[in-house]
Amino acid sequence: MKTVQLEIRRFDDVLSDVAAALTKDESLPSRISFDNVQALWKILSPKKMELLQAMAGQGCLPVREIARRVNRDVSAVHRDIKALADAGLVERNSERQACFPYDEIHVDFILHGAA
């Protein structure tokens, strides 16, 4: 089962992990990192998370099929798929289908109190 981990991490920490993995010739787990919780929620609204959940484990799908699966308007789903693609969460294939290459999504972050 292929899992993607969505997390909140500073860019410098992500770069450090990549550098360490390259030094040890290791592969990194599939991760998509956001700088802060606001950035995560801007990209991953409840409607967009619903799209990712409907696409998980399904390969590439036409936008119309995704809209049918989530019972939403095609143009609204198209806008959300574009936003997810711009953020690097979804890819488009040569047939303009939306592809989410993961079977499951793991979201991992800690919220600290205001300073």
C-alpha atoms as a PDB file:
ATOM      1  CA  MET A   1       0.000   0.000   0.000  1.00  0.00           C
ATOM      2  CA  LYS A   2       1.447   3.358  -1.027  1.00  0.00           C
ATOM      3  CA  THR A   3       0.977   6.101   1.570  1.00  0.00           C
ATOM      4  CA  VAL A   4       1.671   9.825   1.375  1.00  0.00           C
ATOM      5  CA  GLN A   5       2.328  11.735   4.573  1.00  0.00           C
ATOM      6  CA  LEU A   6       1.085  15.325   4.757  1.00  0.00           C
ATOM      7  CA  GLU A   7       2.908  17.289   7.412  1.00  0.00           C
ATOM      8  CA  ILE A   8       3.802  20.710   8.715  1.00  0.00           C
ATOM      9  CA  ARG A   9       7.580  21.179   8.739  1.00  0.00           C
ATOM     10  CA  ARG A  10       9.970  24.022   8.231  1.00  0.00           C
ATOM     11  CA  PHE A  11      11.630  24.059   4.822  1.00  0.00           C
ATOM     12  CA  ASP A  12      15.096  23.926   6.428  1.00  0.00           C
ATOM     13  CA  ASP A  13      14.139  20.704   8.246  1.00  0.00           C
ATOM     14  CA  VAL A  14      12.928  19.135   5.003  1.00  0.00           C
ATOM     15  CA  LEU A  15      16.204  20.063   3.278  1.00  0.00           C
ATOM     16  CA  SER A  16      18.189  18.555   6.156  1.00  0.00           C
ATOM     17  CA  ASP A  17      16.292  15.262   5.816  1.00  0.00           C
ATOM     18  CA  VAL A  18      16.918  15.181   2.063  1.00  0.00           C
ATOM     19  CA  ALA A  19      20.635  15.900   2.535  1.00  0.00           C
ATOM     20  CA  ALA A  20      20.942  13.175   5.195  1.00  0.00           C
ATOM     21  CA  ALA A  21      19.151  10.637   2.985  1.00  0.00           C
ATOM     22  CA  LEU A  22      21.395  11.463   0.030  1.00  0.00           C
ATOM     23  CA  THR A  23      24.496  11.068   2.204  1.00  0.00           C
ATOM     24  CA  LYS A  24      23.315   7.624   3.357  1.00  0.00           C
ATOM     25  CA  ASP A  25      21.967   6.685  -0.104  1.00  0.00           C
ATOM     26  CA  GLU A  26      18.513   6.092   1.405  1.00  0.00           C
ATOM     27  CA  SER A  27      15.126   6.790  -0.059  1.00  0.00           C
ATOM     28  CA  LEU A  28      12.707   9.115   1.678  1.00  0.00           C
ATOM     29  CA  PRO A  29       9.088   8.284   2.418  1.00  0.00           C
ATOM     30  CA  SER A  30       6.509  10.050   0.263  1.00  0.00           C
ATOM     31  CA  ARG A  31       5.850  13.329   2.040  1.00  0.00           C
ATOM     32  CA  ILE A  32       4.272  16.639   1.200  1.00  0.00           C
ATOM     33  CA  SER A  33       5.230  19.361   3.656  1.00  0.00           C
ATOM     34  CA  PHE A  34       3.609  22.685   4.438  1.00  0.00           C
ATOM     35  CA  ASP A  35       5.292  25.574   6.254  1.00  0.00           C
ATOM     36  CA  ASN A  36       2.389  26.170   8.619  1.00  0.00           C
ATOM     37  CA  VAL A  37      -1.149  25.046   9.425  1.00  0.00           C
ATOM     38  CA  GLN A  38      -2.648  27.967   7.496  1.00  0.00           C
ATOM     39  CA  ALA A  39      -0.906  26.823   4.305  1.00  0.00           C
ATOM     40  CA  LEU A  40      -2.087  23.255   4.862  1.00  0.00           C
ATOM     41  CA  TRP A  41      -5.734  24.260   5.365  1.00  0.00           C
ATOM     42  CA  LYS A  42      -5.625  26.684   2.433  1.00  0.00           C
ATOM     43  CA  ILE A  43      -4.712  23.834   0.095  1.00  0.00           C
ATOM     44  CA  LEU A  44      -6.509  21.008   1.909  1.00  0.00           C
ATOM     45  CA  SER A  45     -10.003  22.342   2.477  1.00  0.00           C
ATOM     46  CA  PRO A  46     -12.629  19.752   3.417  1.00  0.00           C
ATOM     47  CA  LYS A  47     -13.869  19.625  -0.202  1.00  0.00           C
ATOM     48  CA  LYS A  48     -10.345  19.051  -1.549  1.00  0.00           C
ATOM     49  CA  MET A  49      -9.675  16.367   1.056  1.00  0.00           C
ATOM     50  CA  GLU A  50     -12.894  14.684  -0.082  1.00  0.00           C
ATOM     51  CA  LEU A  51     -11.525  14.669  -3.647  1.00  0.00           C
ATOM     52  CA  LEU A  52      -8.232  13.116  -2.553  1.00  0.00           C
ATOM     53  CA  GLN A  53     -10.070  10.469  -0.566  1.00  0.00           C
ATOM     54  CA  ALA A  54     -12.253   9.632  -3.584  1.00  0.00           C
ATOM     55  CA  MET A  55      -9.142   9.392  -5.782  1.00  0.00           C
ATOM     56  CA  ALA A  56      -6.944   7.383  -3.382  1.00  0.00           C
ATOM     57  CA  GLY A  57      -6.113   3.989  -4.810  1.00  0.00           C
ATOM     58  CA  GLN A  58      -8.067   4.651  -8.014  1.00  0.00           C
ATOM     59  CA  GLY A  59      -5.285   5.584 -10.435  1.00  0.00           C
ATOM     60  CA  CYS A  60      -6.032   8.313 -12.967  1.00  0.00           C
ATOM     61  CA  LEU A  61      -9.612   9.504 -13.352  1.00  0.00           C
ATOM     62  CA  PRO A  62     -11.405  12.008 -15.595  1.00  0.00           C
ATOM     63  CA  VAL A  63     -12.589  15.102 -13.716  1.00  0.00           C
ATOM     64  CA  ARG A  64     -16.192  14.287 -14.612  1.00  0.00           C
ATOM     65  CA  GLU A  65     -15.857  10.891 -12.929  1.00  0.00           C
ATOM     66  CA  ILE A  66     -14.357  12.454  -9.817  1.00  0.00           C
ATOM     67  CA  ALA A  67     -17.218  14.977  -9.699  1.00  0.00           C
ATOM     68  CA  ARG A  68     -19.729  12.134 -10.016  1.00  0.00           C
ATOM     69  CA  ARG A  69     -18.084  10.195  -7.167  1.00  0.00           C
ATOM     70  CA  VAL A  70     -18.276  13.156  -4.779  1.00  0.00           C
ATOM     71  CA  ASN A  71     -21.625  14.449  -6.093  1.00  0.00           C
ATOM     72  CA  ARG A  72     -20.301  17.917  -6.960  1.00  0.00           C
ATOM     73  CA  ASP A  73     -20.408  20.275  -9.916  1.00  0.00           C
ATOM     74  CA  VAL A  74     -17.778  19.474 -12.588  1.00  0.00           C
ATOM     75  CA  SER A  75     -16.508  23.065 -12.825  1.00  0.00           C
ATOM     76  CA  ALA A  76     -16.019  23.291  -9.032  1.00  0.00           C
ATOM     77  CA  VAL A  77     -14.166  19.974  -9.003  1.00  0.00           C
ATOM     78  CA  HIS A  78     -12.042  21.141 -11.951  1.00  0.00           C
ATOM     79  CA  ARG A  79     -11.007  24.272  -9.969  1.00  0.00           C
ATOM     80  CA  ASP A  80     -10.158  22.179  -6.913  1.00  0.00           C
ATOM     81  CA  ILE A  81      -8.175  19.648  -8.971  1.00  0.00           C
ATOM     82  CA  LYS A  82      -6.214  22.525 -10.535  1.00  0.00           C
ATOM     83  CA  ALA A  83      -5.417  23.912  -7.066  1.00  0.00           C
ATOM     84  CA  LEU A  84      -4.302  20.452  -5.890  1.00  0.00           C
ATOM     85  CA  ALA A  85      -2.159  20.046  -9.019  1.00  0.00           C
ATOM     86  CA  ASP A  86      -0.604  23.496  -8.519  1.00  0.00           C
ATOM     87  CA  ALA A  87       0.297  22.425  -4.964  1.00  0.00           C
ATOM     88  CA  GLY A  88       1.879  19.190  -6.220  1.00  0.00           C
ATOM     89  CA  LEU A  89      -0.678  16.831  -4.678  1.00  0.00           C
ATOM     90  CA  VAL A  90      -2.291  15.710  -7.935  1.00  0.00           C
ATOM     91  CA  GLU A  91      -0.762  15.150 -11.363  1.00  0.00           C
ATOM     92  CA  ARG A  92      -2.396  15.351 -14.789  1.00  0.00           C
ATOM     93  CA  ASN A  93      -1.649  12.717 -17.416  1.00  0.00           C
ATOM     94  CA  SER A  94      -1.504  13.190 -21.204  1.00  0.00           C
ATOM     95  CA  GLU A  95      -5.263  12.554 -21.403  1.00  0.00           C
ATOM     96  CA  ARG A  96      -5.890  15.384 -18.879  1.00  0.00           C
ATOM     97  CA  GLN A  97      -7.023  12.923 -16.239  1.00  0.00           C
ATOM     98  CA  ALA A  98      -6.269  13.672 -12.593  1.00  0.00           C
ATOM     99  CA  CYS A  99      -3.882  11.211 -10.950  1.00  0.00           C
ATOM    100  CA  PHE A 100      -3.344  10.730  -7.226  1.00  0.00           C
ATOM    101  CA  PRO A 101      -0.733   7.968  -6.995  1.00  0.00           C
ATOM    102  CA  TYR A 102      -1.379   6.975  -3.383  1.00  0.00           C
ATOM    103  CA  ASP A 103      -3.657   4.454  -1.715  1.00  0.00           C
ATOM    104  CA  GLU A 104      -3.896   6.307   1.570  1.00  0.00           C
ATOM    105  CA  ILE A 105      -3.183   9.665   3.186  1.00  0.00           C
ATOM    106  CA  HIS A 106      -1.528  10.111   6.568  1.00  0.00           C
ATOM    107  CA  VAL A 107      -1.809  13.621   8.034  1.00  0.00           C
ATOM    108  CA  ASP A 108       0.692  14.389  10.788  1.00  0.00           C
ATOM    109  CA  PHE A 109       1.180  17.640  12.673  1.00  0.00           C
ATOM    110  CA  ILE A 110       1.194  19.140  16.138  1.00  0.00           C
ATOM    111  CA  LEU A 111      -0.438  22.464  17.014  1.00  0.00           C
ATOM    112  CA  HIS A 112       1.343  24.471  19.692  1.00  0.00           C
ATOM    113  CA  GLY A 113      -0.203  27.179  21.815  1.00  0.00           C
ATOM    114  CA  ALA A 114       0.208  30.810  20.777  1.00  0.00           C
ATOM    115  CA  ALA A 115       3.435  32.392  21.924  1.00  0.00           C
END
